[in-house]
């Protein structure tokens, strides 16, 4: 996504902090969006471009740490950088364990924040790319017939065509035909590829 301008969200109840960070983000060539509360931020639909969140720990209403808990599992493509004026070790440990990229205590240098944003946006690009691959795989899998899904499950579990046929009550020739269509629809060049695809899809497979 080289031509898409990344978004950097800033959530801080201090307007002077928001304005200074907004200027810094603009100077780096990124697109800032600022919010005074977590509630305001949550009303904004998730973006479909590389993004990250610069988040103050202490906010009115929903705190920064609570906001992290709400979005961390749903928005893996949006890394979080915490900023705070009065952080402590337990607070920073909690934030980092929950997946924060950085925990910066005010006053911090522009260089430290810019470095953290660069790392976050790179992580976001990777996550979005992986999500796109997964969407494509799910689409391919949905195109399989029920029988083709049965064959795929048994094949990746390690059964030979003859064994698959015995398991499903069909001939080995029919298994080969289904298997060929599965490989084509799933864009798998080999059995190893098909196993990797099944793993990415999180399919629950029978034991050989």
N, C-alpha and C. Protein backbone atom coordinates (compact mmCIF):
# COMPACT_ATOMS: atom_id res chain seq x y z
N UNK A 1 0.83 -1.20 0.00
CA UNK A 1 0.00 0.00 0.00
C UNK A 1 0.88 1.26 0.00
N UNK A 2 1.83 1.36 -0.91
CA UNK A 2 2.78 2.47 -0.88
C UNK A 2 2.18 3.82 -1.18
N UNK A 3 1.06 3.87 -1.94
CA UNK A 3 0.49 5.15 -2.35
C UNK A 3 -0.62 5.62 -1.43
N UNK A 4 -0.95 4.85 -0.40
CA UNK A 4 -2.02 5.22 0.52
C UNK A 4 -1.43 5.95 1.72
N UNK A 5 -1.96 7.13 2.00
CA UNK A 5 -1.45 7.92 3.12
C UNK A 5 -1.93 7.32 4.43
N UNK A 6 -1.02 6.93 5.32
CA UNK A 6 -1.41 6.33 6.59
C UNK A 6 -2.12 7.33 7.48
N UNK A 7 -2.97 6.81 8.35
CA UNK A 7 -3.70 7.61 9.32
C UNK A 7 -3.09 7.43 10.70
N UNK A 8 -2.92 8.53 11.40
CA UNK A 8 -2.44 8.48 12.78
C UNK A 8 -3.50 9.13 13.66
N UNK A 9 -4.14 8.33 14.49
CA UNK A 9 -5.17 8.84 15.39
C UNK A 9 -4.54 9.31 16.70
N UNK A 10 -5.04 10.41 17.20
CA UNK A 10 -4.54 10.98 18.45
C UNK A 10 -5.72 11.17 19.38
N UNK A 11 -5.68 10.51 20.54
CA UNK A 11 -6.74 10.66 21.54
C UNK A 11 -6.11 11.20 22.82
N UNK A 12 -6.39 12.47 23.10
CA UNK A 12 -5.84 13.14 24.30
C UNK A 12 -6.80 14.26 24.67
N UNK A 13 -7.09 14.40 25.95
CA UNK A 13 -8.05 15.43 26.37
C UNK A 13 -7.41 16.81 26.47
N UNK A 14 -6.09 16.90 26.30
CA UNK A 14 -5.39 18.19 26.34
C UNK A 14 -5.29 18.73 24.92
N UNK A 15 -5.98 19.82 24.67
CA UNK A 15 -6.03 20.36 23.31
C UNK A 15 -4.66 20.78 22.82
N UNK A 16 -3.81 21.30 23.71
CA UNK A 16 -2.47 21.73 23.29
C UNK A 16 -1.63 20.54 22.85
N UNK A 17 -1.80 19.42 23.53
CA UNK A 17 -1.08 18.20 23.14
C UNK A 17 -1.58 17.72 21.79
N UNK A 18 -2.89 17.72 21.62
CA UNK A 18 -3.46 17.28 20.34
C UNK A 18 -2.93 18.13 19.19
N UNK A 19 -2.90 19.43 19.39
CA UNK A 19 -2.48 20.33 18.32
C UNK A 19 -1.00 20.15 17.99
N UNK A 20 -0.16 19.98 19.01
CA UNK A 20 1.27 19.82 18.75
C UNK A 20 1.56 18.49 18.06
N UNK A 21 0.85 17.44 18.49
CA UNK A 21 1.04 16.14 17.87
C UNK A 21 0.50 16.14 16.44
N UNK A 22 -0.60 16.83 16.23
CA UNK A 22 -1.18 16.92 14.90
C UNK A 22 -0.19 17.57 13.93
N UNK A 23 0.47 18.63 14.38
CA UNK A 23 1.45 19.32 13.55
C UNK A 23 2.63 18.41 13.23
N UNK A 24 3.10 17.68 14.24
CA UNK A 24 4.22 16.77 14.05
C UNK A 24 3.88 15.69 13.04
N UNK A 25 2.68 15.13 13.15
CA UNK A 25 2.25 14.07 12.24
C UNK A 25 2.16 14.59 10.80
N UNK A 26 1.63 15.78 10.64
CA UNK A 26 1.54 16.39 9.31
C UNK A 26 2.92 16.60 8.71
N UNK A 27 3.87 17.05 9.54
CA UNK A 27 5.23 17.30 9.06
C UNK A 27 5.90 16.02 8.57
N UNK A 28 5.50 14.89 9.12
CA UNK A 28 6.08 13.61 8.73
C UNK A 28 5.39 13.02 7.51
N UNK A 29 4.34 13.68 7.01
CA UNK A 29 3.66 13.22 5.81
C UNK A 29 2.53 12.24 6.06
N UNK A 30 2.12 12.11 7.30
CA UNK A 30 0.99 11.25 7.63
C UNK A 30 -0.26 12.09 7.83
N UNK A 31 -1.41 11.45 7.88
CA UNK A 31 -2.68 12.15 8.05
C UNK A 31 -3.17 11.98 9.49
N UNK A 32 -3.22 13.08 10.27
CA UNK A 32 -3.69 12.96 11.65
C UNK A 32 -5.20 13.12 11.77
N UNK A 33 -5.77 12.46 12.77
CA UNK A 33 -7.15 12.69 13.19
C UNK A 33 -7.15 12.73 14.71
N UNK A 34 -7.70 13.81 15.27
CA UNK A 34 -7.62 14.00 16.72
C UNK A 34 -8.99 13.88 17.39
N UNK A 35 -8.95 13.40 18.64
CA UNK A 35 -10.16 13.22 19.44
C UNK A 35 -9.85 13.57 20.89
N UNK A 36 -10.84 14.13 21.57
CA UNK A 36 -10.65 14.53 22.96
C UNK A 36 -11.02 13.44 23.95
N UNK A 37 -11.81 12.47 23.51
CA UNK A 37 -12.23 11.39 24.39
C UNK A 37 -12.22 10.06 23.65
N UNK A 38 -12.20 8.98 24.41
CA UNK A 38 -12.27 7.65 23.82
C UNK A 38 -13.61 7.43 23.14
N UNK A 39 -14.68 7.97 23.73
CA UNK A 39 -16.01 7.84 23.15
C UNK A 39 -16.06 8.43 21.75
N UNK A 40 -15.47 9.61 21.58
CA UNK A 40 -15.45 10.25 20.27
C UNK A 40 -14.70 9.39 19.26
N UNK A 41 -13.59 8.82 19.71
CA UNK A 41 -12.79 7.97 18.82
C UNK A 41 -13.57 6.73 18.39
N UNK A 42 -14.28 6.12 19.32
CA UNK A 42 -15.02 4.89 19.03
C UNK A 42 -16.15 5.11 18.02
N UNK A 43 -16.61 6.35 17.89
CA UNK A 43 -17.66 6.64 16.93
C UNK A 43 -17.13 6.67 15.50
N UNK A 44 -15.81 6.76 15.38
CA UNK A 44 -15.19 6.83 14.06
C UNK A 44 -15.04 5.40 13.50
N UNK A 45 -15.59 5.12 12.31
CA UNK A 45 -15.48 3.78 11.73
C UNK A 45 -14.01 3.39 11.56
N UNK A 46 -13.67 2.13 11.76
CA UNK A 46 -12.28 1.68 11.58
C UNK A 46 -11.81 1.96 10.16
N UNK A 47 -10.57 2.41 9.99
CA UNK A 47 -10.06 2.70 8.66
C UNK A 47 -9.65 1.41 7.94
N UNK A 48 -9.45 1.53 6.64
CA UNK A 48 -9.00 0.39 5.84
C UNK A 48 -7.63 0.69 5.24
N UNK A 49 -6.90 1.59 5.88
CA UNK A 49 -5.55 1.95 5.46
C UNK A 49 -4.63 1.74 6.67
N UNK A 50 -3.32 1.68 6.45
CA UNK A 50 -2.40 1.57 7.58
C UNK A 50 -2.65 2.70 8.58
N UNK A 51 -2.68 2.35 9.86
CA UNK A 51 -3.00 3.35 10.87
C UNK A 51 -2.41 2.94 12.22
N UNK A 52 -2.36 3.90 13.12
CA UNK A 52 -1.98 3.62 14.50
C UNK A 52 -2.67 4.63 15.39
N UNK A 53 -2.59 4.39 16.69
CA UNK A 53 -3.30 5.22 17.66
C UNK A 53 -2.32 5.72 18.71
N UNK A 54 -2.21 7.05 18.82
CA UNK A 54 -1.45 7.66 19.92
C UNK A 54 -2.47 7.96 21.00
N UNK A 55 -2.32 7.33 22.14
CA UNK A 55 -3.37 7.30 23.15
C UNK A 55 -2.89 7.75 24.52
N UNK A 56 -3.58 8.74 25.08
CA UNK A 56 -3.27 9.18 26.43
C UNK A 56 -3.85 8.17 27.43
N UNK A 57 -3.11 7.90 28.48
CA UNK A 57 -3.59 6.94 29.48
C UNK A 57 -4.79 7.48 30.24
N UNK A 58 -4.68 8.74 30.67
CA UNK A 58 -5.73 9.35 31.49
C UNK A 58 -6.69 10.16 30.63
N UNK A 59 -7.91 9.66 30.51
CA UNK A 59 -8.93 10.34 29.71
C UNK A 59 -10.23 10.42 30.49
N UNK A 60 -11.04 11.42 30.21
CA UNK A 60 -12.37 11.47 30.84
C UNK A 60 -13.24 10.35 30.31
N UNK A 61 -14.02 9.72 31.18
CA UNK A 61 -14.85 8.60 30.73
C UNK A 61 -14.02 7.34 30.61
N UNK A 62 -13.97 6.77 29.43
CA UNK A 62 -13.20 5.55 29.20
C UNK A 62 -11.71 5.89 29.21
N UNK A 63 -10.95 5.21 30.06
CA UNK A 63 -9.52 5.49 30.15
C UNK A 63 -8.79 4.90 28.94
N UNK A 64 -7.54 5.34 28.79
CA UNK A 64 -6.76 4.82 27.68
C UNK A 64 -6.55 3.32 27.76
N UNK A 65 -6.26 2.81 28.94
CA UNK A 65 -6.06 1.37 29.11
C UNK A 65 -7.34 0.59 28.85
N UNK A 66 -8.48 1.15 29.26
CA UNK A 66 -9.75 0.48 29.00
C UNK A 66 -10.07 0.49 27.50
N UNK A 67 -9.74 1.59 26.85
CA UNK A 67 -9.96 1.68 25.40
C UNK A 67 -9.09 0.64 24.70
N UNK A 68 -7.87 0.50 25.14
CA UNK A 68 -6.99 -0.51 24.57
C UNK A 68 -7.62 -1.89 24.67
N UNK A 69 -8.20 -2.19 25.83
CA UNK A 69 -8.84 -3.48 26.02
C UNK A 69 -10.00 -3.70 25.08
N UNK A 70 -10.69 -2.62 24.71
CA UNK A 70 -11.87 -2.73 23.85
C UNK A 70 -11.50 -2.93 22.38
N UNK A 71 -10.38 -2.35 21.96
CA UNK A 71 -10.07 -2.39 20.53
C UNK A 71 -8.93 -3.34 20.17
N UNK A 72 -8.15 -3.78 21.16
CA UNK A 72 -6.96 -4.58 20.85
C UNK A 72 -7.29 -5.85 20.09
N UNK A 73 -8.37 -6.54 20.48
CA UNK A 73 -8.72 -7.80 19.84
C UNK A 73 -9.45 -7.59 18.51
N UNK A 74 -10.14 -6.45 18.39
CA UNK A 74 -10.95 -6.20 17.20
C UNK A 74 -10.18 -5.49 16.10
N UNK A 75 -9.13 -4.77 16.48
CA UNK A 75 -8.40 -3.95 15.51
C UNK A 75 -6.91 -4.25 15.58
N UNK A 76 -6.55 -5.46 15.20
CA UNK A 76 -5.15 -5.85 15.23
C UNK A 76 -4.32 -5.02 14.27
N UNK A 77 -5.00 -4.42 13.30
CA UNK A 77 -4.29 -3.61 12.31
C UNK A 77 -4.02 -2.19 12.79
N UNK A 78 -4.39 -1.88 14.05
CA UNK A 78 -4.18 -0.54 14.59
C UNK A 78 -3.35 -0.60 15.88
N UNK A 79 -2.02 -0.60 15.75
CA UNK A 79 -1.16 -0.61 16.94
C UNK A 79 -1.35 0.65 17.77
N UNK A 80 -1.04 0.53 19.07
CA UNK A 80 -1.26 1.63 20.01
C UNK A 80 0.06 2.10 20.61
N UNK A 81 0.23 3.42 20.65
CA UNK A 81 1.35 4.06 21.33
C UNK A 81 0.77 4.86 22.49
N UNK A 82 1.15 4.51 23.71
CA UNK A 82 0.64 5.23 24.88
C UNK A 82 1.52 6.42 25.21
N UNK A 83 0.87 7.50 25.61
CA UNK A 83 1.58 8.66 26.16
C UNK A 83 0.93 9.01 27.49
N UNK A 84 1.74 9.45 28.43
CA UNK A 84 1.19 9.79 29.74
C UNK A 84 2.09 10.79 30.46
N UNK A 85 1.49 11.57 31.33
CA UNK A 85 2.25 12.52 32.12
C UNK A 85 2.63 11.98 33.48
N UNK A 86 2.04 10.86 33.85
CA UNK A 86 2.31 10.30 35.19
C UNK A 86 2.20 8.77 35.15
N UNK A 87 2.99 8.18 34.28
CA UNK A 87 2.96 6.73 34.19
C UNK A 87 3.73 6.06 35.31
N UNK A 88 3.40 4.82 35.58
CA UNK A 88 4.17 4.04 36.54
C UNK A 88 4.46 2.68 35.93
N UNK A 89 5.31 1.92 36.58
CA UNK A 89 5.74 0.64 36.02
C UNK A 89 4.58 -0.34 35.84
N UNK A 90 3.71 -0.54 36.86
CA UNK A 90 2.59 -1.47 36.64
C UNK A 90 1.70 -1.07 35.46
N UNK A 91 1.50 0.24 35.30
CA UNK A 91 0.66 0.73 34.20
C UNK A 91 1.32 0.43 32.85
N UNK A 92 2.61 0.69 32.77
CA UNK A 92 3.31 0.45 31.51
C UNK A 92 3.39 -1.04 31.19
N UNK A 93 3.58 -1.85 32.22
CA UNK A 93 3.64 -3.31 32.02
C UNK A 93 2.30 -3.81 31.49
N UNK A 94 1.21 -3.31 32.07
CA UNK A 94 -0.12 -3.72 31.63
C UNK A 94 -0.34 -3.35 30.17
N UNK A 95 0.06 -2.14 29.81
CA UNK A 95 -0.13 -1.67 28.44
C UNK A 95 0.68 -2.49 27.45
N UNK A 96 1.94 -2.77 27.80
CA UNK A 96 2.81 -3.49 26.88
C UNK A 96 2.38 -4.95 26.75
N UNK A 97 1.94 -5.55 27.86
CA UNK A 97 1.46 -6.93 27.80
C UNK A 97 0.22 -7.05 26.91
N UNK A 98 -0.57 -5.98 26.88
CA UNK A 98 -1.78 -5.98 26.06
C UNK A 98 -1.49 -5.64 24.60
N UNK A 99 -0.20 -5.43 24.28
CA UNK A 99 0.16 -5.27 22.88
C UNK A 99 0.58 -3.89 22.44
N UNK A 100 0.72 -2.94 23.37
CA UNK A 100 1.13 -1.59 22.99
C UNK A 100 2.53 -1.62 22.37
N UNK A 101 2.75 -0.78 21.37
CA UNK A 101 4.05 -0.71 20.72
C UNK A 101 5.04 0.04 21.58
N UNK A 102 4.57 1.10 22.25
CA UNK A 102 5.45 1.94 23.06
C UNK A 102 4.66 2.59 24.18
N UNK A 103 5.36 2.95 25.24
CA UNK A 103 4.75 3.65 26.38
C UNK A 103 5.66 4.82 26.71
N UNK A 104 5.27 6.00 26.26
CA UNK A 104 6.11 7.19 26.40
C UNK A 104 5.60 8.09 27.52
N UNK A 105 6.52 8.53 28.36
CA UNK A 105 6.17 9.43 29.46
C UNK A 105 6.51 10.86 29.06
N UNK A 106 5.55 11.76 29.22
CA UNK A 106 5.77 13.17 28.91
C UNK A 106 6.77 13.76 29.90
N UNK A 107 7.66 14.66 29.45
CA UNK A 107 7.86 15.05 28.04
C UNK A 107 8.73 14.02 27.31
N UNK A 108 8.34 13.69 26.10
CA UNK A 108 9.12 12.77 25.28
C UNK A 108 9.59 13.54 24.04
N UNK A 109 10.61 13.03 23.40
CA UNK A 109 11.14 13.71 22.22
C UNK A 109 10.30 13.39 20.99
N UNK A 110 10.32 14.32 20.05
CA UNK A 110 9.63 14.07 18.79
C UNK A 110 10.19 12.84 18.09
N UNK A 111 11.50 12.67 18.21
CA UNK A 111 12.16 11.54 17.56
C UNK A 111 11.64 10.21 18.11
N UNK A 112 11.45 10.15 19.42
CA UNK A 112 10.96 8.91 20.04
C UNK A 112 9.57 8.58 19.54
N UNK A 113 8.72 9.60 19.44
CA UNK A 113 7.35 9.37 18.98
C UNK A 113 7.32 8.99 17.51
N UNK A 114 8.09 9.69 16.70
CA UNK A 114 8.11 9.41 15.26
C UNK A 114 8.60 7.98 15.00
N UNK A 115 9.61 7.57 15.73
CA UNK A 115 10.12 6.20 15.59
C UNK A 115 9.04 5.18 15.95
N UNK A 116 8.31 5.45 17.03
CA UNK A 116 7.24 4.55 17.45
C UNK A 116 6.12 4.50 16.41
N UNK A 117 5.80 5.65 15.82
CA UNK A 117 4.74 5.70 14.80
C UNK A 117 5.17 4.92 13.55
N UNK A 118 6.43 5.08 13.15
CA UNK A 118 6.93 4.35 11.98
C UNK A 118 6.82 2.84 12.20
N UNK A 119 7.22 2.39 13.38
CA UNK A 119 7.14 0.96 13.70
C UNK A 119 5.68 0.50 13.70
N UNK A 120 4.81 1.33 14.24
CA UNK A 120 3.39 0.98 14.33
C UNK A 120 2.76 0.88 12.94
N UNK A 121 3.07 1.83 12.08
CA UNK A 121 2.48 1.82 10.74
C UNK A 121 2.98 0.64 9.92
N UNK A 122 4.23 0.25 10.12
CA UNK A 122 4.75 -0.93 9.43
C UNK A 122 4.03 -2.18 9.92
N UNK A 123 3.79 -2.24 11.22
CA UNK A 123 3.05 -3.37 11.77
C UNK A 123 1.62 -3.38 11.24
N UNK A 124 1.03 -2.20 11.08
CA UNK A 124 -0.32 -2.09 10.56
C UNK A 124 -0.40 -2.56 9.12
N UNK A 125 0.58 -2.17 8.31
CA UNK A 125 0.62 -2.61 6.91
C UNK A 125 0.67 -4.14 6.83
N UNK A 126 1.50 -4.73 7.67
CA UNK A 126 1.63 -6.19 7.67
C UNK A 126 0.31 -6.84 8.06
N UNK A 127 -0.34 -6.31 9.09
CA UNK A 127 -1.61 -6.87 9.56
C UNK A 127 -2.69 -6.77 8.49
N UNK A 128 -2.76 -5.63 7.82
CA UNK A 128 -3.76 -5.44 6.76
C UNK A 128 -3.51 -6.40 5.60
N UNK A 129 -2.25 -6.60 5.27
CA UNK A 129 -1.91 -7.52 4.20
C UNK A 129 -2.32 -8.95 4.55
N UNK A 130 -2.07 -9.33 5.80
CA UNK A 130 -2.45 -10.68 6.25
C UNK A 130 -3.97 -10.84 6.26
N UNK A 131 -4.68 -9.78 6.64
CA UNK A 131 -6.14 -9.83 6.63
C UNK A 131 -6.68 -10.00 5.22
N UNK A 132 -6.05 -9.33 4.26
CA UNK A 132 -6.49 -9.44 2.87
C UNK A 132 -6.28 -10.87 2.36
N UNK A 133 -5.14 -11.44 2.70
CA UNK A 133 -4.86 -12.82 2.31
C UNK A 133 -5.91 -13.76 2.92
N UNK A 134 -6.23 -13.54 4.19
CA UNK A 134 -7.21 -14.40 4.86
C UNK A 134 -8.59 -14.25 4.25
N UNK A 135 -8.97 -13.03 3.88
CA UNK A 135 -10.27 -12.82 3.21
C UNK A 135 -10.33 -13.59 1.90
N UNK A 136 -9.23 -13.57 1.16
CA UNK A 136 -9.18 -14.28 -0.11
C UNK A 136 -9.29 -15.79 0.11
N UNK A 137 -8.58 -16.29 1.11
CA UNK A 137 -8.64 -17.73 1.41
C UNK A 137 -10.04 -18.15 1.83
N UNK A 138 -10.69 -17.33 2.64
CA UNK A 138 -12.06 -17.64 3.08
C UNK A 138 -13.01 -17.65 1.89
N UNK A 139 -12.80 -16.71 0.97
CA UNK A 139 -13.63 -16.67 -0.22
C UNK A 139 -13.44 -17.93 -1.07
N UNK A 140 -12.18 -18.34 -1.20
CA UNK A 140 -11.90 -19.57 -1.95
C UNK A 140 -12.55 -20.78 -1.27
N UNK A 141 -12.43 -20.82 0.04
CA UNK A 141 -12.97 -21.97 0.79
C UNK A 141 -14.49 -22.02 0.67
N UNK A 142 -15.11 -20.85 0.66
CA UNK A 142 -16.58 -20.81 0.56
C UNK A 142 -17.06 -21.31 -0.80
N UNK A 143 -16.16 -21.31 -1.79
CA UNK A 143 -16.54 -21.77 -3.13
C UNK A 143 -16.51 -23.30 -3.23
N UNK A 144 -15.95 -23.96 -2.22
CA UNK A 144 -15.90 -25.42 -2.25
C UNK A 144 -17.28 -26.01 -1.96
N UNK A 145 -17.58 -27.11 -2.61
CA UNK A 145 -18.82 -27.83 -2.30
C UNK A 145 -18.63 -28.57 -0.97
N UNK A 146 -19.72 -28.98 -0.32
CA UNK A 146 -19.59 -29.75 0.93
C UNK A 146 -18.69 -30.98 0.77
N UNK A 147 -18.82 -31.68 -0.34
CA UNK A 147 -17.99 -32.87 -0.57
C UNK A 147 -16.52 -32.49 -0.73
N UNK A 148 -16.27 -31.40 -1.44
CA UNK A 148 -14.89 -30.94 -1.61
C UNK A 148 -14.27 -30.54 -0.27
N UNK A 149 -15.07 -29.97 0.61
CA UNK A 149 -14.57 -29.63 1.94
C UNK A 149 -14.23 -30.89 2.73
N UNK A 150 -15.07 -31.91 2.58
CA UNK A 150 -14.80 -33.18 3.25
C UNK A 150 -13.48 -33.77 2.76
N UNK A 151 -13.30 -33.76 1.45
CA UNK A 151 -12.07 -34.30 0.86
C UNK A 151 -10.86 -33.50 1.33
N UNK A 152 -10.97 -32.18 1.31
CA UNK A 152 -9.86 -31.33 1.74
C UNK A 152 -9.47 -31.64 3.18
N UNK A 153 -10.45 -31.77 4.05
CA UNK A 153 -10.18 -32.03 5.46
C UNK A 153 -9.41 -33.34 5.64
N UNK A 154 -9.83 -34.37 4.93
CA UNK A 154 -9.18 -35.67 5.07
C UNK A 154 -7.80 -35.70 4.42
N UNK A 155 -7.66 -35.00 3.31
CA UNK A 155 -6.37 -34.96 2.63
C UNK A 155 -5.33 -34.24 3.49
N UNK A 156 -5.69 -33.09 4.03
CA UNK A 156 -4.70 -32.36 4.84
C UNK A 156 -4.45 -33.05 6.17
N UNK A 157 -5.35 -33.94 6.57
CA UNK A 157 -5.13 -34.72 7.78
C UNK A 157 -4.15 -35.86 7.53
N UNK A 158 -3.79 -36.07 6.26
CA UNK A 158 -2.77 -37.05 5.93
C UNK A 158 -3.25 -38.34 5.30
N UNK A 159 -4.55 -38.43 5.01
CA UNK A 159 -5.07 -39.65 4.41
C UNK A 159 -4.74 -39.71 2.91
N UNK A 160 -4.45 -40.91 2.44
CA UNK A 160 -4.24 -41.14 1.02
C UNK A 160 -5.59 -41.14 0.31
N UNK A 161 -5.55 -40.99 -1.03
CA UNK A 161 -6.80 -40.95 -1.80
C UNK A 161 -7.68 -42.18 -1.54
N UNK A 162 -7.04 -43.34 -1.48
CA UNK A 162 -7.78 -44.58 -1.25
C UNK A 162 -8.47 -44.56 0.11
N UNK A 163 -7.75 -44.03 1.11
CA UNK A 163 -8.30 -43.95 2.46
C UNK A 163 -9.43 -42.93 2.53
N UNK A 164 -9.27 -41.83 1.82
CA UNK A 164 -10.33 -40.81 1.77
C UNK A 164 -11.59 -41.41 1.16
N UNK A 165 -11.40 -42.17 0.08
CA UNK A 165 -12.54 -42.80 -0.58
C UNK A 165 -13.27 -43.75 0.34
N UNK A 166 -12.50 -44.54 1.10
CA UNK A 166 -13.11 -45.49 2.04
C UNK A 166 -13.86 -44.75 3.14
N UNK A 167 -13.29 -43.63 3.58
CA UNK A 167 -13.91 -42.84 4.66
C UNK A 167 -15.23 -42.23 4.20
N UNK A 168 -15.26 -41.78 2.95
CA UNK A 168 -16.44 -41.08 2.44
C UNK A 168 -17.38 -41.97 1.63
N UNK A 169 -16.96 -43.20 1.36
CA UNK A 169 -17.81 -44.10 0.60
C UNK A 169 -17.88 -43.76 -0.88
N UNK A 170 -16.75 -43.27 -1.42
CA UNK A 170 -16.69 -42.92 -2.85
C UNK A 170 -15.45 -43.58 -3.43
N UNK A 171 -15.38 -43.62 -4.76
CA UNK A 171 -14.25 -44.27 -5.41
C UNK A 171 -13.00 -43.40 -5.36
N UNK A 172 -11.84 -44.04 -5.54
CA UNK A 172 -10.58 -43.31 -5.54
C UNK A 172 -10.52 -42.33 -6.69
N UNK A 173 -11.09 -42.71 -7.82
CA UNK A 173 -11.13 -41.80 -8.98
C UNK A 173 -11.92 -40.54 -8.65
N UNK A 174 -13.05 -40.72 -7.96
CA UNK A 174 -13.86 -39.56 -7.57
C UNK A 174 -13.10 -38.67 -6.58
N UNK A 175 -12.37 -39.31 -5.67
CA UNK A 175 -11.55 -38.55 -4.71
C UNK A 175 -10.53 -37.70 -5.47
N UNK A 176 -9.86 -38.30 -6.47
CA UNK A 176 -8.86 -37.56 -7.25
C UNK A 176 -9.49 -36.36 -7.95
N UNK A 177 -10.71 -36.53 -8.46
CA UNK A 177 -11.39 -35.43 -9.14
C UNK A 177 -11.71 -34.31 -8.16
N UNK A 178 -12.24 -34.68 -6.99
CA UNK A 178 -12.55 -33.67 -5.96
C UNK A 178 -11.26 -32.97 -5.50
N UNK A 179 -10.23 -33.77 -5.30
CA UNK A 179 -8.96 -33.21 -4.82
C UNK A 179 -8.38 -32.21 -5.82
N UNK A 180 -8.48 -32.54 -7.10
CA UNK A 180 -7.99 -31.62 -8.13
C UNK A 180 -8.74 -30.29 -8.10
N UNK A 181 -10.06 -30.36 -7.92
CA UNK A 181 -10.85 -29.12 -7.85
C UNK A 181 -10.52 -28.32 -6.60
N UNK A 182 -10.28 -29.03 -5.50
CA UNK A 182 -9.90 -28.35 -4.25
C UNK A 182 -8.59 -27.59 -4.44
N UNK A 183 -7.61 -28.26 -5.02
CA UNK A 183 -6.31 -27.62 -5.24
C UNK A 183 -6.45 -26.40 -6.13
N UNK A 184 -7.29 -26.51 -7.16
CA UNK A 184 -7.48 -25.39 -8.09
C UNK A 184 -8.20 -24.23 -7.41
N UNK A 185 -9.29 -24.51 -6.72
CA UNK A 185 -10.08 -23.46 -6.09
C UNK A 185 -9.32 -22.77 -4.96
N UNK A 186 -8.49 -23.53 -4.25
CA UNK A 186 -7.74 -22.97 -3.12
C UNK A 186 -6.40 -22.38 -3.55
N UNK A 187 -6.10 -22.45 -4.86
CA UNK A 187 -4.83 -21.94 -5.38
C UNK A 187 -3.64 -22.57 -4.66
N UNK A 188 -3.72 -23.86 -4.43
CA UNK A 188 -2.65 -24.59 -3.75
C UNK A 188 -1.82 -25.36 -4.78
N UNK A 189 -0.52 -25.16 -4.75
CA UNK A 189 0.35 -25.83 -5.70
C UNK A 189 0.78 -27.21 -5.23
N UNK A 190 0.62 -27.47 -3.94
CA UNK A 190 1.06 -28.75 -3.38
C UNK A 190 0.24 -29.06 -2.14
N UNK A 191 0.41 -30.28 -1.65
CA UNK A 191 -0.26 -30.67 -0.41
C UNK A 191 0.21 -29.80 0.75
N UNK A 192 1.51 -29.48 0.75
CA UNK A 192 2.05 -28.62 1.81
C UNK A 192 1.35 -27.26 1.81
N UNK A 193 1.11 -26.72 0.61
CA UNK A 193 0.39 -25.44 0.50
C UNK A 193 -1.02 -25.58 1.08
N UNK A 194 -1.67 -26.68 0.77
CA UNK A 194 -3.04 -26.88 1.24
C UNK A 194 -3.09 -26.99 2.76
N UNK A 195 -2.10 -27.64 3.33
CA UNK A 195 -2.03 -27.76 4.79
C UNK A 195 -1.84 -26.38 5.43
N UNK A 196 -0.97 -25.56 4.83
CA UNK A 196 -0.75 -24.21 5.34
C UNK A 196 -2.03 -23.38 5.26
N UNK A 197 -2.75 -23.53 4.16
CA UNK A 197 -4.00 -22.80 3.98
C UNK A 197 -5.02 -23.21 5.04
N UNK A 198 -5.13 -24.52 5.27
CA UNK A 198 -6.07 -25.02 6.28
C UNK A 198 -5.71 -24.47 7.65
N UNK A 199 -4.42 -24.37 7.94
CA UNK A 199 -3.96 -23.83 9.23
C UNK A 199 -4.33 -22.36 9.36
N UNK A 200 -4.11 -21.59 8.28
CA UNK A 200 -4.45 -20.16 8.31
C UNK A 200 -5.95 -19.95 8.50
N UNK A 201 -6.74 -20.84 7.92
CA UNK A 201 -8.19 -20.72 8.05
C UNK A 201 -8.68 -21.20 9.41
N UNK A 202 -7.79 -21.85 10.16
CA UNK A 202 -8.19 -22.33 11.48
C UNK A 202 -9.17 -23.48 11.41
N UNK A 203 -9.08 -24.30 10.37
CA UNK A 203 -10.03 -25.39 10.21
C UNK A 203 -9.76 -26.48 11.23
N UNK A 204 -10.84 -27.01 11.79
CA UNK A 204 -10.73 -28.13 12.70
C UNK A 204 -10.73 -29.40 11.86
N UNK A 205 -9.62 -30.07 11.87
CA UNK A 205 -9.45 -31.20 10.95
C UNK A 205 -9.47 -32.53 11.69
N UNK A 206 -9.95 -33.58 11.02
CA UNK A 206 -9.95 -34.91 11.65
C UNK A 206 -8.52 -35.43 11.78
N UNK A 207 -8.32 -36.32 12.68
CA UNK A 207 -7.00 -36.94 12.87
C UNK A 207 -6.88 -38.16 11.96
N UNK A 208 -5.74 -38.21 11.28
CA UNK A 208 -5.54 -39.34 10.36
C UNK A 208 -5.49 -40.66 11.12
